[in-house]
């Protein structure tokens, strides 16, 4: 069972329990799980969430993605996900 991590206290004064654990404190597998979850709920939040829910979602997604990119600056990038690769498909 994954180790429990305490919610962080965001600098902007938000309720930490409602916004999750500081991404920096997550283990790699926990970070991936959080990213999968937030990406899975994104569309519904965009279409049906309140402005506050969407703002919280945007903030949390940016925190999680930023931490992933910080940990994996040399991640493999698929050619089809670049402008050049997309142009070559056309």
PDB file of N, CA and C in Angstrom:
ATOM      1  N   UNK A   1       0.852  -1.181   0.000  1.00  0.00           N
ATOM      2  CA  UNK A   1       0.000   0.000   0.000  1.00  0.00           C
ATOM      3  C   UNK A   1       0.894   1.240   0.000  1.00  0.00           C
ATOM      4  N   UNK A   2       0.612   2.248  -0.837  1.00  0.00           N
ATOM      5  CA  UNK A   2       1.445   3.459  -0.875  1.00  0.00           C
ATOM      6  C   UNK A   2       1.426   4.187   0.464  1.00  0.00           C
ATOM      7  N   UNK A   3       2.547   4.790   0.758  1.00  0.00           N
ATOM      8  CA  UNK A   3       2.679   5.563   1.985  1.00  0.00           C
ATOM      9  C   UNK A   3       1.818   6.817   1.892  1.00  0.00           C
ATOM     10  N   UNK A   4       1.111   7.126   2.968  1.00  0.00           N
ATOM     11  CA  UNK A   4       0.285   8.335   3.008  1.00  0.00           C
ATOM     12  C   UNK A   4       1.187   9.561   3.116  1.00  0.00           C
ATOM     13  N   UNK A   5       0.810  10.609   2.425  1.00  0.00           N
ATOM     14  CA  UNK A   5       1.562  11.860   2.457  1.00  0.00           C
ATOM     15  C   UNK A   5       0.608  12.955   2.906  1.00  0.00           C
ATOM     16  N   UNK A   6       1.065  13.819   3.793  1.00  0.00           N
ATOM     17  CA  UNK A   6       0.232  14.901   4.306  1.00  0.00           C
ATOM     18  C   UNK A   6      -0.016  15.968   3.247  1.00  0.00           C
ATOM     19  N   UNK A   7      -1.232  16.546   3.202  1.00  0.00           N
ATOM     20  CA  UNK A   7      -1.495  17.655   2.275  1.00  0.00           C
ATOM     21  C   UNK A   7      -0.607  18.849   2.600  1.00  0.00           C
ATOM     22  N   UNK A   8      -0.219  19.583   1.567  1.00  0.00           N
ATOM     23  CA  UNK A   8       0.611  20.767   1.792  1.00  0.00           C
ATOM     24  C   UNK A   8      -0.258  21.995   2.014  1.00  0.00           C
ATOM     25  N   UNK A   9       0.354  23.021   2.522  1.00  0.00           N
ATOM     26  CA  UNK A   9      -0.336  24.284   2.723  1.00  0.00           C
ATOM     27  C   UNK A   9       0.091  25.231   1.610  1.00  0.00           C
ATOM     28  N   UNK A  10      -0.764  25.443   0.629  1.00  0.00           N
ATOM     29  CA  UNK A  10      -0.399  26.326  -0.475  1.00  0.00           C
ATOM     30  C   UNK A  10      -0.113  27.743   0.016  1.00  0.00           C
ATOM     31  N   UNK A  11       0.787  28.411  -0.663  1.00  0.00           N
ATOM     32  CA  UNK A  11       1.168  29.764  -0.280  1.00  0.00           C
ATOM     33  C   UNK A  11       0.040  30.764  -0.486  1.00  0.00           C
ATOM     34  N   UNK A  12      -0.927  30.433  -1.304  1.00  0.00           N
ATOM     35  CA  UNK A  12      -2.020  31.377  -1.541  1.00  0.00           C
ATOM     36  C   UNK A  12      -3.155  31.223  -0.526  1.00  0.00           C
ATOM     37  N   UNK A  13      -2.970  30.370   0.488  1.00  0.00           N
ATOM     38  CA  UNK A  13      -3.948  30.240   1.555  1.00  0.00           C
ATOM     39  C   UNK A  13      -5.112  29.311   1.261  1.00  0.00           C
ATOM     40  N   UNK A  14      -5.085  28.585   0.163  1.00  0.00           N
ATOM     41  CA  UNK A  14      -6.164  27.645  -0.141  1.00  0.00           C
ATOM     42  C   UNK A  14      -6.211  26.544   0.914  1.00  0.00           C
ATOM     43  N   UNK A  15      -7.332  25.887   1.009  1.00  0.00           N
ATOM     44  CA  UNK A  15      -7.482  24.745   1.901  1.00  0.00           C
ATOM     45  C   UNK A  15      -6.647  23.603   1.348  1.00  0.00           C
ATOM     46  N   UNK A  16      -5.569  23.252   2.036  1.00  0.00           N
ATOM     47  CA  UNK A  16      -4.626  22.246   1.553  1.00  0.00           C
ATOM     48  C   UNK A  16      -5.287  20.894   1.362  1.00  0.00           C
ATOM     49  N   UNK A  17      -6.186  20.497   2.259  1.00  0.00           N
ATOM     50  CA  UNK A  17      -6.818  19.190   2.154  1.00  0.00           C
ATOM     51  C   UNK A  17      -7.632  19.067   0.869  1.00  0.00           C
ATOM     52  N   UNK A  18      -8.162  20.155   0.387  1.00  0.00           N
ATOM     53  CA  UNK A  18      -8.977  20.133  -0.827  1.00  0.00           C
ATOM     54  C   UNK A  18      -8.118  20.140  -2.092  1.00  0.00           C
ATOM     55  N   UNK A  19      -6.849  20.429  -1.967  1.00  0.00           N
ATOM     56  CA  UNK A  19      -6.015  20.589  -3.153  1.00  0.00           C
ATOM     57  C   UNK A  19      -4.863  19.608  -3.238  1.00  0.00           C
ATOM     58  N   UNK A  20      -4.759  18.701  -2.321  1.00  0.00           N
ATOM     59  CA  UNK A  20      -3.797  17.629  -2.442  1.00  0.00           C
ATOM     60  C   UNK A  20      -2.443  17.893  -1.823  1.00  0.00           C
ATOM     61  N   UNK A  21      -1.607  16.907  -2.007  1.00  0.00           N
ATOM     62  CA  UNK A  21      -0.263  16.889  -1.457  1.00  0.00           C
ATOM     63  C   UNK A  21       0.667  17.699  -2.354  1.00  0.00           C
ATOM     64  N   UNK A  22       1.632  18.352  -1.747  1.00  0.00           N
ATOM     65  CA  UNK A  22       2.645  19.071  -2.511  1.00  0.00           C
ATOM     66  C   UNK A  22       3.285  18.083  -3.489  1.00  0.00           C
ATOM     67  N   UNK A  23       3.232  18.328  -4.788  1.00  0.00           N
ATOM     68  CA  UNK A  23       3.772  17.392  -5.765  1.00  0.00           C
ATOM     69  C   UNK A  23       5.236  17.033  -5.523  1.00  0.00           C
ATOM     70  N   UNK A  24       5.992  17.943  -4.962  1.00  0.00           N
ATOM     71  CA  UNK A  24       7.405  17.686  -4.682  1.00  0.00           C
ATOM     72  C   UNK A  24       7.576  16.535  -3.685  1.00  0.00           C
ATOM     73  N   UNK A  25       6.579  16.326  -2.831  1.00  0.00           N
ATOM     74  CA  UNK A  25       6.648  15.292  -1.806  1.00  0.00           C
ATOM     75  C   UNK A  25       6.142  13.929  -2.276  1.00  0.00           C
ATOM     76  N   UNK A  26       5.555  13.868  -3.448  1.00  0.00           N
ATOM     77  CA  UNK A  26       5.021  12.608  -3.956  1.00  0.00           C
ATOM     78  C   UNK A  26       6.132  11.715  -4.482  1.00  0.00           C
ATOM     79  N   UNK A  27       5.983  10.409  -4.267  1.00  0.00           N
ATOM     80  CA  UNK A  27       6.865   9.421  -4.888  1.00  0.00           C
ATOM     81  C   UNK A  27       6.504   9.397  -6.378  1.00  0.00           C
ATOM     82  N   UNK A  28       7.398   8.886  -7.215  1.00  0.00           N
ATOM     83  CA  UNK A  28       7.139   8.870  -8.659  1.00  0.00           C
ATOM     84  C   UNK A  28       5.814   8.190  -8.995  1.00  0.00           C
ATOM     85  N   UNK A  29       5.539   7.027  -8.414  1.00  0.00           N
ATOM     86  CA  UNK A  29       4.299   6.321  -8.739  1.00  0.00           C
ATOM     87  C   UNK A  29       3.073   7.106  -8.268  1.00  0.00           C
ATOM     88  N   UNK A  30       3.194   7.844  -7.170  1.00  0.00           N
ATOM     89  CA  UNK A  30       2.084   8.667  -6.702  1.00  0.00           C
ATOM     90  C   UNK A  30       1.853   9.851  -7.641  1.00  0.00           C
ATOM     91  N   UNK A  31       2.940  10.454  -8.111  1.00  0.00           N
ATOM     92  CA  UNK A  31       2.831  11.573  -9.046  1.00  0.00           C
ATOM     93  C   UNK A  31       2.153  11.127 -10.339  1.00  0.00           C
ATOM     94  N   UNK A  32       2.553   9.979 -10.858  1.00  0.00           N
ATOM     95  CA  UNK A  32       1.932   9.458 -12.083  1.00  0.00           C
ATOM     96  C   UNK A  32       0.443   9.199 -11.856  1.00  0.00           C
ATOM     97  N   UNK A  33       0.100   8.625 -10.722  1.00  0.00           N
ATOM     98  CA  UNK A  33      -1.309   8.365 -10.399  1.00  0.00           C
ATOM     99  C   UNK A  33      -2.102   9.670 -10.341  1.00  0.00           C
ATOM    100  N   UNK A  34      -1.552  10.681  -9.680  1.00  0.00           N
ATOM    101  CA  UNK A  34      -2.223  11.986  -9.591  1.00  0.00           C
ATOM    102  C   UNK A  34      -2.404  12.598 -10.983  1.00  0.00           C
ATOM    103  N   UNK A  35      -1.389  12.490 -11.830  1.00  0.00           N
ATOM    104  CA  UNK A  35      -1.488  13.021 -13.194  1.00  0.00           C
ATOM    105  C   UNK A  35      -2.562  12.285 -13.994  1.00  0.00           C
ATOM    106  N   UNK A  36      -2.582  10.962 -13.888  1.00  0.00           N
ATOM    107  CA  UNK A  36      -3.603  10.188 -14.600  1.00  0.00           C
ATOM    108  C   UNK A  36      -4.998  10.595 -14.152  1.00  0.00           C
ATOM    109  N   UNK A  37      -5.169  10.783 -12.865  1.00  0.00           N
ATOM    110  CA  UNK A  37      -6.478  11.148 -12.326  1.00  0.00           C
ATOM    111  C   UNK A  37      -6.907  12.532 -12.802  1.00  0.00           C
ATOM    112  N   UNK A  38      -6.015  13.500 -12.722  1.00  0.00           N
ATOM    113  CA  UNK A  38      -6.400  14.859 -13.103  1.00  0.00           C
ATOM    114  C   UNK A  38      -6.641  14.974 -14.602  1.00  0.00           C
ATOM    115  N   UNK A  39      -5.891  14.231 -15.407  1.00  0.00           N
ATOM    116  CA  UNK A  39      -6.135  14.266 -16.846  1.00  0.00           C
ATOM    117  C   UNK A  39      -7.463  13.588 -17.187  1.00  0.00           C
ATOM    118  N   UNK A  40      -7.795  12.530 -16.460  1.00  0.00           N
ATOM    119  CA  UNK A  40      -9.050  11.821 -16.699  1.00  0.00           C
ATOM    120  C   UNK A  40     -10.261  12.703 -16.362  1.00  0.00           C
ATOM    121  N   UNK A  41     -10.146  13.580 -15.371  1.00  0.00           N
ATOM    122  CA  UNK A  41     -11.279  14.408 -14.953  1.00  0.00           C
ATOM    123  C   UNK A  41     -11.318  15.784 -15.625  1.00  0.00           C
ATOM    124  N   UNK A  42     -10.329  16.080 -16.434  1.00  0.00           N
ATOM    125  CA  UNK A  42     -10.196  17.412 -17.015  1.00  0.00           C
ATOM    126  C   UNK A  42     -11.406  17.833 -17.852  1.00  0.00           C
ATOM    127  N   UNK A  43     -11.823  16.983 -18.756  1.00  0.00           N
ATOM    128  CA  UNK A  43     -12.895  17.348 -19.690  1.00  0.00           C
ATOM    129  C   UNK A  43     -14.192  17.663 -18.947  1.00  0.00           C
ATOM    130  N   UNK A  44     -14.539  16.830 -17.992  1.00  0.00           N
ATOM    131  CA  UNK A  44     -15.762  17.057 -17.222  1.00  0.00           C
ATOM    132  C   UNK A  44     -15.681  18.355 -16.423  1.00  0.00           C
ATOM    133  N   UNK A  45     -14.507  18.626 -15.841  1.00  0.00           N
ATOM    134  CA  UNK A  45     -14.335  19.863 -15.084  1.00  0.00           C
ATOM    135  C   UNK A  45     -14.464  21.079 -15.990  1.00  0.00           C
ATOM    136  N   UNK A  46     -13.898  21.006 -17.171  1.00  0.00           N
ATOM    137  CA  UNK A  46     -13.989  22.113 -18.124  1.00  0.00           C
ATOM    138  C   UNK A  46     -15.435  22.368 -18.532  1.00  0.00           C
ATOM    139  N   UNK A  47     -16.155  21.308 -18.833  1.00  0.00           N
ATOM    140  CA  UNK A  47     -17.524  21.472 -19.316  1.00  0.00           C
ATOM    141  C   UNK A  47     -18.521  21.803 -18.214  1.00  0.00           C
ATOM    142  N   UNK A  48     -18.333  21.259 -17.017  1.00  0.00           N
ATOM    143  CA  UNK A  48     -19.391  21.339 -16.018  1.00  0.00           C
ATOM    144  C   UNK A  48     -18.959  21.889 -14.657  1.00  0.00           C
ATOM    145  N   UNK A  49     -17.684  22.165 -14.476  1.00  0.00           N
ATOM    146  CA  UNK A  49     -17.228  22.664 -13.178  1.00  0.00           C
ATOM    147  C   UNK A  49     -17.498  24.144 -13.001  1.00  0.00           C
ATOM    148  N   UNK A  50     -17.618  24.548 -11.757  1.00  0.00           N
ATOM    149  CA  UNK A  50     -17.779  25.968 -11.456  1.00  0.00           C
ATOM    150  C   UNK A  50     -16.478  26.701 -11.798  1.00  0.00           C
ATOM    151  N   UNK A  51     -16.519  28.017 -11.900  1.00  0.00           N
ATOM    152  CA  UNK A  51     -15.274  28.760 -12.134  1.00  0.00           C
ATOM    153  C   UNK A  51     -14.206  28.458 -11.072  1.00  0.00           C
ATOM    154  N   UNK A  52     -14.622  28.310  -9.820  1.00  0.00           N
ATOM    155  CA  UNK A  52     -13.655  28.002  -8.761  1.00  0.00           C
ATOM    156  C   UNK A  52     -13.074  26.607  -8.939  1.00  0.00           C
ATOM    157  N   UNK A  53     -13.903  25.641  -9.323  1.00  0.00           N
ATOM    158  CA  UNK A  53     -13.426  24.277  -9.548  1.00  0.00           C
ATOM    159  C   UNK A  53     -12.443  24.235 -10.718  1.00  0.00           C
ATOM    160  N   UNK A  54     -12.762  24.963 -11.784  1.00  0.00           N
ATOM    161  CA  UNK A  54     -11.867  24.999 -12.933  1.00  0.00           C
ATOM    162  C   UNK A  54     -10.546  25.675 -12.581  1.00  0.00           C
ATOM    163  N   UNK A  55     -10.595  26.736 -11.818  1.00  0.00           N
ATOM    164  CA  UNK A  55      -9.361  27.410 -11.395  1.00  0.00           C
ATOM    165  C   UNK A  55      -8.507  26.488 -10.529  1.00  0.00           C
ATOM    166  N   UNK A  56      -9.144  25.781  -9.607  1.00  0.00           N
ATOM    167  CA  UNK A  56      -8.407  24.839  -8.755  1.00  0.00           C
ATOM    168  C   UNK A  56      -7.810  23.717  -9.591  1.00  0.00           C
ATOM    169  N   UNK A  57      -8.561  23.234 -10.559  1.00  0.00           N
ATOM    170  CA  UNK A  57      -8.088  22.163 -11.452  1.00  0.00           C
ATOM    171  C   UNK A  57      -6.887  22.646 -12.249  1.00  0.00           C
ATOM    172  N   UNK A  58      -6.985  23.864 -12.799  1.00  0.00           N
ATOM    173  CA  UNK A  58      -5.865  24.436 -13.565  1.00  0.00           C
ATOM    174  C   UNK A  58      -4.609  24.527 -12.710  1.00  0.00           C
ATOM    175  N   UNK A  59      -4.769  25.023 -11.490  1.00  0.00           N
ATOM    176  CA  UNK A  59      -3.631  25.197 -10.592  1.00  0.00           C
ATOM    177  C   UNK A  59      -3.000  23.860 -10.257  1.00  0.00           C
ATOM    178  N   UNK A  60      -3.823  22.904  -9.878  1.00  0.00           N
ATOM    179  CA  UNK A  60      -3.304  21.589  -9.487  1.00  0.00           C
ATOM    180  C   UNK A  60      -2.642  20.892 -10.669  1.00  0.00           C
ATOM    181  N   UNK A  61      -3.242  20.978 -11.837  1.00  0.00           N
ATOM    182  CA  UNK A  61      -2.660  20.334 -13.011  1.00  0.00           C
ATOM    183  C   UNK A  61      -1.302  20.957 -13.330  1.00  0.00           C
ATOM    184  N   UNK A  62      -1.196  22.258 -13.248  1.00  0.00           N
ATOM    185  CA  UNK A  62       0.081  22.933 -13.510  1.00  0.00           C
ATOM    186  C   UNK A  62       1.133  22.512 -12.483  1.00  0.00           C
ATOM    187  N   UNK A  63       0.738  22.381 -11.217  1.00  0.00           N
ATOM    188  CA  UNK A  63       1.672  21.939 -10.179  1.00  0.00           C
ATOM    189  C   UNK A  63       2.187  20.534 -10.469  1.00  0.00           C
ATOM    190  N   UNK A  64       1.271  19.622 -10.781  1.00  0.00           N
ATOM    191  CA  UNK A  64       1.647  18.232 -11.033  1.00  0.00           C
ATOM    192  C   UNK A  64       2.494  18.099 -12.295  1.00  0.00           C
ATOM    193  N   UNK A  65       2.077  18.758 -13.375  1.00  0.00           N
ATOM    194  CA  UNK A  65       2.837  18.675 -14.624  1.00  0.00           C
ATOM    195  C   UNK A  65       4.203  19.330 -14.473  1.00  0.00           C
ATOM    196  N   UNK A  66       4.261  20.442 -13.761  1.00  0.00           N
ATOM    197  CA  UNK A  66       5.543  21.099 -13.530  1.00  0.00           C
ATOM    198  C   UNK A  66       6.509  20.212 -12.770  1.00  0.00           C
ATOM    199  N   UNK A  67       6.005  19.510 -11.776  1.00  0.00           N
ATOM    200  CA  UNK A  67       6.853  18.592 -11.008  1.00  0.00           C
ATOM    201  C   UNK A  67       7.322  17.433 -11.878  1.00  0.00           C
ATOM    202  N   UNK A  68       6.432  16.899 -12.711  1.00  0.00           N
ATOM    203  CA  UNK A  68       6.834  15.808 -13.610  1.00  0.00           C
ATOM    204  C   UNK A  68       7.954  16.276 -14.547  1.00  0.00           C
ATOM    205  N   UNK A  69       7.789  17.441 -15.123  1.00  0.00           N
ATOM    206  CA  UNK A  69       8.799  17.968 -16.045  1.00  0.00           C
ATOM    207  C   UNK A  69      10.109  18.280 -15.318  1.00  0.00           C
ATOM    208  N   UNK A  70      10.029  18.728 -14.076  1.00  0.00           N
ATOM    209  CA  UNK A  70      11.237  18.985 -13.294  1.00  0.00           C
ATOM    210  C   UNK A  70      12.014  17.687 -13.072  1.00  0.00           C
ATOM    211  N   UNK A  71      11.289  16.614 -12.809  1.00  0.00           N
ATOM    212  CA  UNK A  71      11.935  15.322 -12.560  1.00  0.00           C
ATOM    213  C   UNK A  71      12.425  14.648 -13.821  1.00  0.00           C
ATOM    214  N   UNK A  72      11.804  14.960 -14.946  1.00  0.00           N
ATOM    215  CA  UNK A  72      12.110  14.259 -16.207  1.00  0.00           C
ATOM    216  C   UNK A  72      12.388  15.247 -17.344  1.00  0.00           C
ATOM    217  N   UNK A  73      13.418  16.082 -17.187  1.00  0.00           N
ATOM    218  CA  UNK A  73      13.688  17.089 -18.227  1.00  0.00           C
ATOM    219  C   UNK A  73      14.118  16.473 -19.561  1.00  0.00           C
ATOM    220  N   UNK A  74      14.634  15.268 -19.522  1.00  0.00           N
ATOM    221  CA  UNK A  74      15.121  14.606 -20.740  1.00  0.00           C
ATOM    222  C   UNK A  74      14.158  13.519 -21.217  1.00  0.00           C
ATOM    223  N   UNK A  75      12.866  13.674 -20.890  1.00  0.00           N
ATOM    224  CA  UNK A  75      11.900  12.650 -21.281  1.00  0.00           C
ATOM    225  C   UNK A  75      11.874  12.503 -22.799  1.00  0.00           C
ATOM    226  N   UNK A  76      11.530  11.307 -23.248  1.00  0.00           N
ATOM    227  CA  UNK A  76      11.478  11.055 -24.682  1.00  0.00           C
ATOM    228  C   UNK A  76      10.278  11.798 -25.278  1.00  0.00           C
ATOM    229  N   UNK A  77      10.507  12.520 -26.347  1.00  0.00           N
ATOM    230  CA  UNK A  77       9.446  13.262 -27.022  1.00  0.00           C
ATOM    231  C   UNK A  77       9.184  12.577 -28.360  1.00  0.00           C
ATOM    232  N   UNK A  78       7.951  12.192 -28.596  1.00  0.00           N
ATOM    233  CA  UNK A  78       7.578  11.537 -29.848  1.00  0.00           C
ATOM    234  C   UNK A  78       7.597  12.561 -30.978  1.00  0.00           C
ATOM    235  N   UNK A  79       8.199  12.196 -32.091  1.00  0.00           N
ATOM    236  CA  UNK A  79       8.305  13.107 -33.232  1.00  0.00           C
ATOM    237  C   UNK A  79       6.934  13.621 -33.667  1.00  0.00           C
ATOM    238  N   UNK A  80       5.916  12.770 -33.616  1.00  0.00           N
ATOM    239  CA  UNK A  80       4.572  13.176 -34.006  1.00  0.00           C
ATOM    240  C   UNK A  80       3.961  14.220 -33.089  1.00  0.00           C
ATOM    241  N   UNK A  81       4.574  14.471 -31.937  1.00  0.00           N
ATOM    242  CA  UNK A  81       4.084  15.467 -30.986  1.00  0.00           C
ATOM    243  C   UNK A  81       4.836  16.787 -31.107  1.00  0.00           C
ATOM    244  N   UNK A  82       5.612  16.936 -32.171  1.00  0.00           N
ATOM    245  CA  UNK A  82       6.315  18.191 -32.437  1.00  0.00           C
ATOM    246  C   UNK A  82       5.708  18.855 -33.657  1.00  0.00           C
ATOM    247  N   UNK A  83       5.953  20.134 -33.832  1.00  0.00           N
ATOM    248  CA  UNK A  83       5.432  20.824 -35.031  1.00  0.00           C
ATOM    249  C   UNK A  83       5.999  20.209 -36.294  1.00  0.00           C
ATOM    250  N   UNK A  84       7.298  19.942 -36.260  1.00  0.00           N
ATOM    251  CA  UNK A  84       7.942  19.354 -37.440  1.00  0.00           C
ATOM    252  C   UNK A  84       7.326  17.999 -37.780  1.00  0.00           C
ATOM    253  N   UNK A  85       7.124  17.167 -36.757  1.00  0.00           N
ATOM    254  CA  UNK A  85       6.519  15.848 -36.985  1.00  0.00           C
ATOM    255  C   UNK A  85       5.108  15.942 -37.504  1.00  0.00           C
ATOM    256  N   UNK A  86       4.355  16.875 -36.989  1.00  0.00           N
ATOM    257  CA  UNK A  86       2.983  17.062 -37.449  1.00  0.00           C
ATOM    258  C   UNK A  86       2.945  17.514 -38.902  1.00  0.00           C
ATOM    259  N   UNK A  87       3.877  18.401 -39.269  1.00  0.00           N
ATOM    260  CA  UNK A  87       3.941  18.874 -40.675  1.00  0.00           C
ATOM    261  C   UNK A  87       4.320  17.741 -41.619  1.00  0.00           C
ATOM    262  N   UNK A  88       5.183  16.852 -41.160  1.00  0.00           N
ATOM    263  CA  UNK A  88       5.610  15.728 -41.999  1.00  0.00           C
ATOM    264  C   UNK A  88       4.479  14.737 -42.252  1.00  0.00           C
ATOM    265  N   UNK A  89       3.490  14.705 -41.362  1.00  0.00           N
ATOM    266  CA  UNK A  89       2.330  13.824 -41.554  1.00  0.00           C
ATOM    267  C   UNK A  89       1.425  14.341 -42.664  1.00  0.00           C
ATOM    268  N   UNK A  90       1.400  15.656 -42.821  1.00  0.00           N
ATOM    269  CA  UNK A  90       0.482  16.263 -43.800  1.00  0.00           C
ATOM    270  C   UNK A  90       0.885  16.045 -45.221  1.00  0.00           C
TER     271      UNK A  90
END
